[in-house]
Amino acid sequence: MGKEVVVQNNHIFECDENGRGLHCDESLHEASGKKYRKEDYLLIHVLPKYGVNDSQRVVIFEGLHRNGTLAAGLICSEPPLSELRIIMKSVGANPYFQVLFKTENHVDASGEALPIRVSLADDPFPLKFRS
């Protein structure tokens, strides 16, 4: 995090000197013949609602694919407390930040994949705004 992020063709690329990228491979569910992803990504932004000096914030959840987006519900209904503590420690008193989660998906008997677990994919990144 903290680098330019480009999303294209079901990849998240962090544009760094190592060319590191995150990719969601597809697998085939033999019984149903459906393709699914074993993992996905959820990016959360916490931003000022109206301006830098406003005490209100807006939270934006962006999934790379369907299960990344569905993981927002998982975070809200079953908060990963250890991960949230890491975020709080990393961003400190800064009220604005971005954080990237990786989801682990489970495939049911019909071949439908759903997120079952989230974990931090990278360090949380505090955001600084000028007033």
N, C-alpha and C. Protein backbone atom coordinates (compact mmCIF):
# COMPACT_ATOMS: atom_id res chain seq x y z
N MET A 1 0.86 -1.17 0.00
CA MET A 1 0.00 0.00 0.00
C MET A 1 0.90 1.23 0.00
N GLY A 2 0.31 2.36 -0.29
CA GLY A 2 1.07 3.58 -0.34
C GLY A 2 1.74 3.81 -1.68
N LYS A 3 1.53 2.91 -2.60
CA LYS A 3 2.08 3.05 -3.93
C LYS A 3 0.92 3.22 -4.90
N GLU A 4 1.21 3.56 -6.12
CA GLU A 4 0.16 3.65 -7.13
C GLU A 4 -0.44 2.27 -7.33
N VAL A 5 -1.76 2.19 -7.35
CA VAL A 5 -2.43 0.92 -7.55
C VAL A 5 -3.22 0.98 -8.84
N VAL A 6 -3.03 -0.01 -9.71
CA VAL A 6 -3.72 -0.10 -10.98
C VAL A 6 -4.51 -1.40 -10.98
N VAL A 7 -5.78 -1.35 -11.35
CA VAL A 7 -6.60 -2.55 -11.42
C VAL A 7 -6.93 -2.79 -12.88
N GLN A 8 -6.61 -4.00 -13.36
CA GLN A 8 -6.85 -4.32 -14.76
C GLN A 8 -6.88 -5.83 -14.93
N ASN A 9 -7.83 -6.33 -15.72
CA ASN A 9 -7.89 -7.75 -16.06
C ASN A 9 -7.83 -8.67 -14.84
N ASN A 10 -8.64 -8.37 -13.83
CA ASN A 10 -8.73 -9.19 -12.63
C ASN A 10 -7.41 -9.33 -11.88
N HIS A 11 -6.58 -8.33 -11.95
CA HIS A 11 -5.32 -8.28 -11.21
C HIS A 11 -5.30 -6.97 -10.43
N ILE A 12 -4.65 -6.97 -9.30
CA ILE A 12 -4.30 -5.71 -8.64
C ILE A 12 -2.78 -5.63 -8.74
N PHE A 13 -2.28 -4.60 -9.35
CA PHE A 13 -0.84 -4.42 -9.48
C PHE A 13 -0.41 -3.29 -8.58
N GLU A 14 0.55 -3.55 -7.71
CA GLU A 14 1.19 -2.48 -6.97
C GLU A 14 2.41 -2.10 -7.78
N CYS A 15 2.44 -0.88 -8.21
CA CYS A 15 3.51 -0.44 -9.10
C CYS A 15 4.74 -0.09 -8.27
N ASP A 16 5.51 -1.11 -7.93
CA ASP A 16 6.74 -0.88 -7.18
C ASP A 16 7.93 -1.42 -7.98
N GLU A 17 9.12 -1.26 -7.40
CA GLU A 17 10.33 -1.64 -8.12
C GLU A 17 10.42 -3.14 -8.35
N ASN A 18 9.68 -3.95 -7.59
CA ASN A 18 9.72 -5.40 -7.77
C ASN A 18 8.65 -5.91 -8.72
N GLY A 19 7.76 -5.03 -9.18
CA GLY A 19 6.69 -5.45 -10.07
C GLY A 19 5.70 -6.40 -9.41
N ARG A 20 5.58 -6.29 -8.09
CA ARG A 20 4.71 -7.19 -7.33
C ARG A 20 3.26 -6.99 -7.72
N GLY A 21 2.53 -8.07 -7.87
CA GLY A 21 1.11 -7.98 -8.19
C GLY A 21 0.32 -9.05 -7.48
N LEU A 22 -0.95 -8.82 -7.29
CA LEU A 22 -1.84 -9.79 -6.67
C LEU A 22 -2.80 -10.28 -7.75
N HIS A 23 -3.06 -11.57 -7.75
CA HIS A 23 -3.89 -12.15 -8.79
C HIS A 23 -4.84 -13.17 -8.18
N CYS A 24 -6.05 -13.23 -8.68
CA CYS A 24 -7.05 -14.19 -8.21
C CYS A 24 -7.20 -15.29 -9.25
N ASP A 25 -6.58 -16.42 -9.00
CA ASP A 25 -6.69 -17.54 -9.93
C ASP A 25 -8.08 -18.15 -9.88
N GLU A 26 -8.54 -18.63 -11.02
CA GLU A 26 -9.81 -19.34 -11.08
C GLU A 26 -9.54 -20.84 -11.04
N SER A 27 -10.46 -21.56 -10.39
CA SER A 27 -10.40 -23.02 -10.35
C SER A 27 -11.74 -23.55 -10.83
N LEU A 28 -11.76 -24.82 -11.17
CA LEU A 28 -13.00 -25.44 -11.64
C LEU A 28 -13.56 -26.34 -10.55
N HIS A 29 -14.85 -26.14 -10.23
CA HIS A 29 -15.55 -27.01 -9.29
C HIS A 29 -16.03 -28.22 -10.09
N GLU A 30 -15.46 -29.37 -9.82
CA GLU A 30 -15.71 -30.56 -10.63
C GLU A 30 -17.18 -30.96 -10.68
N ALA A 31 -17.86 -30.96 -9.53
CA ALA A 31 -19.25 -31.45 -9.48
C ALA A 31 -20.20 -30.58 -10.29
N SER A 32 -20.02 -29.25 -10.23
CA SER A 32 -20.96 -28.35 -10.91
C SER A 32 -20.44 -27.86 -12.25
N GLY A 33 -19.12 -27.95 -12.46
CA GLY A 33 -18.54 -27.43 -13.69
C GLY A 33 -18.37 -25.92 -13.68
N LYS A 34 -18.63 -25.27 -12.54
CA LYS A 34 -18.50 -23.81 -12.43
C LYS A 34 -17.07 -23.42 -12.06
N LYS A 35 -16.65 -22.27 -12.59
CA LYS A 35 -15.37 -21.70 -12.19
C LYS A 35 -15.58 -20.87 -10.92
N TYR A 36 -14.57 -20.83 -10.07
CA TYR A 36 -14.64 -20.03 -8.85
C TYR A 36 -13.24 -19.55 -8.50
N ARG A 37 -13.19 -18.58 -7.60
CA ARG A 37 -11.91 -18.06 -7.12
C ARG A 37 -11.72 -18.50 -5.67
N LYS A 38 -10.55 -19.03 -5.36
CA LYS A 38 -10.26 -19.47 -3.99
C LYS A 38 -10.04 -18.29 -3.06
N GLU A 39 -9.71 -17.15 -3.65
CA GLU A 39 -9.44 -15.94 -2.87
C GLU A 39 -9.87 -14.72 -3.65
N ASP A 40 -9.95 -13.62 -2.95
CA ASP A 40 -10.30 -12.35 -3.58
C ASP A 40 -9.73 -11.25 -2.70
N TYR A 41 -9.99 -10.00 -3.05
CA TYR A 41 -9.45 -8.88 -2.30
C TYR A 41 -10.53 -7.83 -2.06
N LEU A 42 -10.44 -7.20 -0.90
CA LEU A 42 -11.33 -6.13 -0.50
C LEU A 42 -10.48 -4.94 -0.08
N LEU A 43 -10.70 -3.80 -0.72
CA LEU A 43 -10.00 -2.57 -0.37
C LEU A 43 -10.97 -1.67 0.37
N ILE A 44 -10.57 -1.19 1.54
CA ILE A 44 -11.40 -0.29 2.34
C ILE A 44 -10.72 1.07 2.41
N HIS A 45 -11.48 2.11 2.11
CA HIS A 45 -11.01 3.50 2.20
C HIS A 45 -11.79 4.16 3.33
N VAL A 46 -11.12 4.88 4.21
CA VAL A 46 -11.78 5.72 5.21
C VAL A 46 -11.34 7.15 4.89
N LEU A 47 -12.31 7.98 4.46
CA LEU A 47 -12.02 9.31 3.92
C LEU A 47 -12.85 10.37 4.62
N PRO A 48 -12.43 11.65 4.53
CA PRO A 48 -13.26 12.71 5.10
C PRO A 48 -14.57 12.84 4.32
N LYS A 49 -15.67 13.08 5.03
CA LYS A 49 -16.97 13.15 4.37
C LYS A 49 -17.11 14.44 3.56
N TYR A 50 -16.83 15.58 4.16
CA TYR A 50 -17.00 16.85 3.45
C TYR A 50 -15.69 17.59 3.22
N GLY A 51 -14.79 17.48 4.15
CA GLY A 51 -13.52 18.18 4.04
C GLY A 51 -12.59 17.69 5.13
N VAL A 52 -11.33 18.07 5.01
CA VAL A 52 -10.30 17.57 5.92
C VAL A 52 -10.60 17.91 7.38
N ASN A 53 -11.21 19.05 7.64
CA ASN A 53 -11.46 19.47 9.02
C ASN A 53 -12.79 18.97 9.55
N ASP A 54 -13.53 18.22 8.77
CA ASP A 54 -14.82 17.67 9.19
C ASP A 54 -14.58 16.42 10.03
N SER A 55 -15.33 16.29 11.12
CA SER A 55 -15.16 15.12 11.98
C SER A 55 -15.85 13.88 11.42
N GLN A 56 -16.73 14.07 10.43
CA GLN A 56 -17.42 12.92 9.85
C GLN A 56 -16.56 12.27 8.77
N ARG A 57 -16.68 10.91 8.69
CA ARG A 57 -15.92 10.16 7.70
C ARG A 57 -16.87 9.31 6.87
N VAL A 58 -16.40 8.93 5.70
CA VAL A 58 -17.13 8.00 4.85
C VAL A 58 -16.23 6.77 4.65
N VAL A 59 -16.85 5.59 4.69
CA VAL A 59 -16.11 4.35 4.50
C VAL A 59 -16.57 3.72 3.20
N ILE A 60 -15.62 3.41 2.33
CA ILE A 60 -15.92 2.83 1.02
C ILE A 60 -15.32 1.43 0.98
N PHE A 61 -16.14 0.45 0.62
CA PHE A 61 -15.70 -0.94 0.47
C PHE A 61 -15.67 -1.27 -1.02
N GLU A 62 -14.53 -1.74 -1.52
CA GLU A 62 -14.40 -2.10 -2.94
C GLU A 62 -13.84 -3.51 -3.05
N GLY A 63 -14.60 -4.42 -3.60
CA GLY A 63 -14.10 -5.76 -3.85
C GLY A 63 -13.53 -5.85 -5.25
N LEU A 64 -12.47 -6.63 -5.41
CA LEU A 64 -11.93 -6.84 -6.75
C LEU A 64 -12.93 -7.62 -7.59
N HIS A 65 -13.57 -8.61 -6.97
CA HIS A 65 -14.63 -9.39 -7.61
C HIS A 65 -15.79 -9.50 -6.63
N ARG A 66 -16.75 -10.30 -6.96
CA ARG A 66 -17.96 -10.46 -6.14
C ARG A 66 -17.65 -10.83 -4.69
N ASN A 67 -16.79 -11.82 -4.47
CA ASN A 67 -16.51 -12.26 -3.12
C ASN A 67 -15.71 -11.25 -2.31
N GLY A 68 -14.91 -10.46 -2.97
CA GLY A 68 -14.23 -9.37 -2.27
C GLY A 68 -15.23 -8.37 -1.74
N THR A 69 -16.24 -8.06 -2.55
CA THR A 69 -17.30 -7.15 -2.13
C THR A 69 -18.13 -7.76 -1.01
N LEU A 70 -18.47 -9.04 -1.14
CA LEU A 70 -19.25 -9.72 -0.09
C LEU A 70 -18.50 -9.78 1.24
N ALA A 71 -17.18 -9.74 1.19
CA ALA A 71 -16.38 -9.79 2.41
C ALA A 71 -16.62 -8.56 3.29
N ALA A 72 -17.13 -7.47 2.72
CA ALA A 72 -17.48 -6.30 3.53
C ALA A 72 -18.51 -6.69 4.58
N GLY A 73 -19.49 -7.50 4.20
CA GLY A 73 -20.49 -7.97 5.14
C GLY A 73 -19.89 -8.86 6.21
N LEU A 74 -18.91 -9.66 5.82
CA LEU A 74 -18.22 -10.53 6.76
C LEU A 74 -17.47 -9.70 7.81
N ILE A 75 -16.81 -8.64 7.36
CA ILE A 75 -16.08 -7.76 8.28
C ILE A 75 -17.04 -7.08 9.26
N CYS A 76 -18.22 -6.69 8.77
CA CYS A 76 -19.19 -6.01 9.64
C CYS A 76 -19.90 -6.98 10.59
N SER A 77 -20.18 -8.20 10.14
CA SER A 77 -20.92 -9.14 10.99
C SER A 77 -20.02 -9.95 11.91
N GLU A 78 -18.80 -10.24 11.47
CA GLU A 78 -17.84 -11.01 12.27
C GLU A 78 -16.48 -10.30 12.21
N PRO A 79 -16.36 -9.15 12.88
CA PRO A 79 -15.13 -8.36 12.76
C PRO A 79 -13.89 -9.16 13.16
N PRO A 80 -12.87 -9.13 12.31
CA PRO A 80 -11.61 -9.81 12.64
C PRO A 80 -10.81 -8.94 13.62
N LEU A 81 -11.04 -9.13 14.91
CA LEU A 81 -10.51 -8.23 15.93
C LEU A 81 -9.00 -8.10 15.90
N SER A 82 -8.29 -9.19 15.69
CA SER A 82 -6.82 -9.10 15.67
C SER A 82 -6.36 -8.23 14.50
N GLU A 83 -7.04 -8.35 13.36
CA GLU A 83 -6.69 -7.54 12.19
C GLU A 83 -7.03 -6.06 12.44
N LEU A 84 -8.16 -5.81 13.08
CA LEU A 84 -8.56 -4.44 13.37
C LEU A 84 -7.60 -3.77 14.36
N ARG A 85 -7.08 -4.55 15.29
CA ARG A 85 -6.08 -4.00 16.24
C ARG A 85 -4.81 -3.60 15.49
N ILE A 86 -4.41 -4.40 14.53
CA ILE A 86 -3.22 -4.07 13.73
C ILE A 86 -3.46 -2.78 12.96
N ILE A 87 -4.65 -2.62 12.39
CA ILE A 87 -4.97 -1.39 11.65
C ILE A 87 -4.90 -0.19 12.58
N MET A 88 -5.54 -0.30 13.75
CA MET A 88 -5.54 0.82 14.70
C MET A 88 -4.12 1.20 15.11
N LYS A 89 -3.28 0.19 15.34
CA LYS A 89 -1.90 0.45 15.74
C LYS A 89 -1.12 1.11 14.60
N SER A 90 -1.35 0.67 13.37
CA SER A 90 -0.62 1.19 12.20
C SER A 90 -0.99 2.62 11.85
N VAL A 91 -2.27 2.95 11.92
CA VAL A 91 -2.69 4.29 11.49
C VAL A 91 -2.66 5.29 12.64
N GLY A 92 -2.59 4.80 13.87
CA GLY A 92 -2.49 5.70 15.03
C GLY A 92 -3.67 6.65 15.12
N ALA A 93 -3.37 7.90 15.33
CA ALA A 93 -4.41 8.92 15.48
C ALA A 93 -4.91 9.44 14.14
N ASN A 94 -4.32 8.98 13.04
CA ASN A 94 -4.75 9.45 11.72
C ASN A 94 -6.14 8.89 11.41
N PRO A 95 -7.13 9.76 11.18
CA PRO A 95 -8.50 9.26 10.97
C PRO A 95 -8.76 8.73 9.56
N TYR A 96 -7.84 8.92 8.62
CA TYR A 96 -8.06 8.52 7.24
C TYR A 96 -7.01 7.50 6.81
N PHE A 97 -7.45 6.43 6.14
CA PHE A 97 -6.51 5.39 5.75
C PHE A 97 -7.13 4.49 4.69
N GLN A 98 -6.29 3.63 4.12
CA GLN A 98 -6.71 2.55 3.22
C GLN A 98 -6.15 1.25 3.77
N VAL A 99 -6.90 0.18 3.57
CA VAL A 99 -6.42 -1.13 4.00
C VAL A 99 -6.90 -2.18 3.00
N LEU A 100 -6.01 -3.11 2.67
CA LEU A 100 -6.32 -4.16 1.71
C LEU A 100 -6.43 -5.50 2.45
N PHE A 101 -7.58 -6.15 2.30
CA PHE A 101 -7.82 -7.47 2.88
C PHE A 101 -7.83 -8.52 1.79
N LYS A 102 -7.34 -9.70 2.13
CA LYS A 102 -7.44 -10.86 1.26
C LYS A 102 -8.56 -11.73 1.82
N THR A 103 -9.42 -12.24 0.96
CA THR A 103 -10.49 -13.12 1.41
C THR A 103 -10.15 -14.56 1.08
N GLU A 104 -10.58 -15.43 1.96
CA GLU A 104 -10.50 -16.87 1.69
C GLU A 104 -11.92 -17.32 1.39
N ASN A 105 -12.11 -17.98 0.28
CA ASN A 105 -13.45 -18.38 -0.15
C ASN A 105 -13.66 -19.88 0.05
N HIS A 106 -14.90 -20.24 0.32
CA HIS A 106 -15.30 -21.64 0.45
C HIS A 106 -16.32 -21.94 -0.64
N VAL A 107 -16.19 -23.09 -1.28
CA VAL A 107 -17.11 -23.48 -2.34
C VAL A 107 -18.09 -24.51 -1.79
N ASP A 108 -19.39 -24.23 -1.95
CA ASP A 108 -20.40 -25.17 -1.47
C ASP A 108 -20.63 -26.27 -2.51
N ALA A 109 -21.55 -27.18 -2.22
CA ALA A 109 -21.79 -28.35 -3.08
C ALA A 109 -22.26 -27.97 -4.48
N SER A 110 -22.91 -26.80 -4.61
CA SER A 110 -23.41 -26.38 -5.93
C SER A 110 -22.37 -25.61 -6.73
N GLY A 111 -21.17 -25.39 -6.15
CA GLY A 111 -20.12 -24.68 -6.86
C GLY A 111 -20.12 -23.19 -6.60
N GLU A 112 -20.93 -22.73 -5.65
CA GLU A 112 -20.99 -21.30 -5.32
C GLU A 112 -19.90 -20.98 -4.29
N ALA A 113 -19.04 -20.03 -4.60
CA ALA A 113 -17.97 -19.63 -3.68
C ALA A 113 -18.42 -18.43 -2.86
N LEU A 114 -18.15 -18.49 -1.57
CA LEU A 114 -18.49 -17.40 -0.65
C LEU A 114 -17.30 -17.13 0.26
N PRO A 115 -17.09 -15.86 0.65
CA PRO A 115 -15.98 -15.56 1.54
C PRO A 115 -16.26 -16.11 2.94
N ILE A 116 -15.25 -16.73 3.53
CA ILE A 116 -15.40 -17.27 4.88
C ILE A 116 -14.42 -16.65 5.87
N ARG A 117 -13.36 -16.00 5.37
CA ARG A 117 -12.35 -15.43 6.25
C ARG A 117 -11.66 -14.28 5.55
N VAL A 118 -11.27 -13.27 6.31
CA VAL A 118 -10.49 -12.16 5.77
C VAL A 118 -9.21 -12.00 6.59
N SER A 119 -8.17 -11.55 5.93
CA SER A 119 -6.91 -11.26 6.61
C SER A 119 -6.25 -10.09 5.89
N LEU A 120 -5.40 -9.38 6.60
CA LEU A 120 -4.71 -8.25 5.98
C LEU A 120 -3.79 -8.76 4.88
N ALA A 121 -3.86 -8.12 3.73
CA ALA A 121 -3.00 -8.49 2.61
C ALA A 121 -1.75 -7.64 2.57
N ASP A 122 -1.79 -6.50 3.23
CA ASP A 122 -0.66 -5.57 3.24
C ASP A 122 -0.82 -4.65 4.45
N ASP A 123 0.19 -3.86 4.73
CA ASP A 123 0.10 -2.93 5.84
C ASP A 123 -0.94 -1.85 5.55
N PRO A 124 -1.72 -1.47 6.57
CA PRO A 124 -2.64 -0.33 6.39
C PRO A 124 -1.85 0.92 6.03
N PHE A 125 -2.46 1.77 5.24
CA PHE A 125 -1.78 2.96 4.75
C PHE A 125 -2.52 4.22 5.18
N PRO A 126 -1.94 4.99 6.14
CA PRO A 126 -2.58 6.25 6.54
C PRO A 126 -2.60 7.23 5.38
N LEU A 127 -3.68 8.00 5.26
CA LEU A 127 -3.82 9.01 4.22
C LEU A 127 -3.71 10.40 4.85
N LYS A 128 -2.96 11.26 4.23
CA LYS A 128 -2.80 12.64 4.70
C LYS A 128 -3.43 13.58 3.69
N PHE A 129 -4.21 14.53 4.19
CA PHE A 129 -4.84 15.53 3.33
C PHE A 129 -4.42 16.91 3.80
N ARG A 130 -4.29 17.83 2.88
CA ARG A 130 -3.99 19.23 3.23
C ARG A 130 -5.29 19.99 3.39
N SER A 131 -5.34 20.85 4.38
CA SER A 131 -6.56 21.65 4.57
C SER A 131 -6.50 22.94 3.79
